[in-house]
Amino acid sequence: MAAAYVISYDLRKARSYDTLIKQLRDWGCVSPLESLWFGYLNGPAAAIRDGLMKHIDADDGLVVIEVKPTSDWAIFKANESFADWLRKYVGP
């Protein structure tokens, strides 16, 4: 079942973002800030992590967390389309 997830990464040495970003975009994820993405995806979080790990190096960091409906949120200097995404998948 699909749910909202927040995904963040830290590419430490090689810093090749291309295939990782392509995968996130192919999944329909949105990025309000550098290295921070949100997606409405089929989980669980471990499966999403595993799908992204082939696009990063062994020394990189990756975090995937499910965001529950009605989670509290606030944004600053993020585009309005991201706020719309949050309202749609998380709540007011």
Protein backbone atom coordinates (compact mmCIF):
# COMPACT_ATOMS: atom_id res chain seq x y z
CA MET A 1 0.00 0.00 0.00
CA ALA A 2 1.29 3.46 -0.90
CA ALA A 3 2.23 6.00 1.75
CA ALA A 4 4.09 9.30 1.98
CA TYR A 5 7.83 8.96 2.62
CA VAL A 6 10.61 11.43 3.26
CA ILE A 7 13.96 10.49 1.73
CA SER A 8 17.26 12.17 2.51
CA TYR A 9 20.77 11.29 1.41
CA ASP A 10 24.34 12.33 2.01
CA LEU A 11 26.68 11.49 -0.87
CA ARG A 12 30.09 11.72 0.72
CA LYS A 13 32.98 11.20 -1.72
CA ALA A 14 32.09 10.56 -5.37
CA ARG A 15 29.04 12.87 -5.23
CA SER A 16 27.41 11.52 -8.37
CA TYR A 17 23.74 12.40 -7.96
CA ASP A 18 22.51 11.72 -11.51
CA THR A 19 21.17 8.16 -11.28
CA LEU A 20 19.79 8.65 -7.76
CA ILE A 21 17.91 11.80 -8.76
CA LYS A 22 16.66 10.15 -11.94
CA GLN A 23 15.25 7.25 -9.91
CA LEU A 24 13.52 9.60 -7.47
CA ARG A 25 12.02 11.61 -10.33
CA ASP A 26 10.94 8.43 -12.11
CA TRP A 27 9.09 7.48 -8.94
CA GLY A 28 7.32 10.87 -8.98
CA CYS A 29 9.11 12.23 -5.91
CA VAL A 30 9.37 15.97 -5.22
CA SER A 31 12.33 17.85 -3.78
CA PRO A 32 11.73 20.97 -1.65
CA LEU A 33 15.41 21.23 -0.60
CA GLU A 34 18.73 19.87 -1.79
CA SER A 35 19.14 16.20 -0.79
CA LEU A 36 15.57 16.06 0.61
CA TRP A 37 12.78 14.32 -1.29
CA PHE A 38 9.20 13.30 -0.60
CA GLY A 39 7.33 10.58 -2.44
CA TYR A 40 4.01 8.80 -2.32
CA LEU A 41 5.42 5.31 -2.77
CA ASN A 42 4.75 1.64 -2.19
CA GLY A 43 6.71 0.66 0.91
CA PRO A 44 7.87 -0.54 3.23
CA ALA A 45 10.69 1.91 3.93
CA ALA A 46 13.30 -0.88 3.71
CA ALA A 47 12.19 -1.73 0.16
CA ILE A 48 12.48 1.93 -0.89
CA ARG A 49 15.91 2.12 0.72
CA ASP A 50 17.00 -1.06 -1.07
CA GLY A 51 15.77 0.31 -4.40
CA LEU A 52 17.84 3.46 -3.94
CA MET A 53 20.99 1.82 -2.58
CA LYS A 54 22.05 0.67 -6.05
CA HIS A 55 22.41 4.38 -6.96
CA ILE A 56 24.76 5.34 -4.11
CA ASP A 57 28.20 4.30 -2.91
CA ALA A 58 28.97 2.24 0.21
CA ASP A 59 30.17 5.33 2.13
CA ASP A 60 27.03 7.39 1.41
CA GLY A 61 24.13 7.86 3.83
CA LEU A 62 20.43 7.30 3.14
CA VAL A 63 17.32 7.78 5.29
CA VAL A 64 13.75 6.74 4.41
CA ILE A 65 10.94 7.55 6.85
CA GLU A 66 7.19 7.08 6.44
CA VAL A 67 5.18 10.26 7.08
CA LYS A 68 1.78 9.49 8.55
CA PRO A 69 -1.38 11.33 7.48
CA THR A 70 -2.07 14.30 9.74
CA SER A 71 1.63 14.64 10.68
CA ASP A 72 2.40 18.16 11.75
CA TRP A 73 4.53 20.15 9.30
CA ALA A 74 5.75 23.65 8.56
CA ILE A 75 7.88 24.95 5.70
CA PHE A 76 9.97 28.04 4.99
CA LYS A 77 11.16 29.06 1.52
CA ALA A 78 9.85 25.96 -0.20
CA ASN A 79 7.80 26.33 -3.35
CA GLU A 80 4.01 26.35 -3.22
CA SER A 81 3.77 23.17 -5.30
CA PHE A 82 5.54 21.32 -2.48
CA ALA A 83 3.07 22.72 0.05
CA ASP A 84 0.29 21.42 -2.22
CA TRP A 85 1.97 17.97 -2.23
CA LEU A 86 2.06 17.98 1.58
CA ARG A 87 -1.60 18.99 1.82
CA LYS A 88 -2.54 16.20 -0.59
CA TYR A 89 -0.57 13.34 0.97
CA VAL A 90 -0.07 14.38 4.59
CA GLY A 91 -2.83 16.79 5.52
CA PRO A 92 -3.47 20.43 6.33
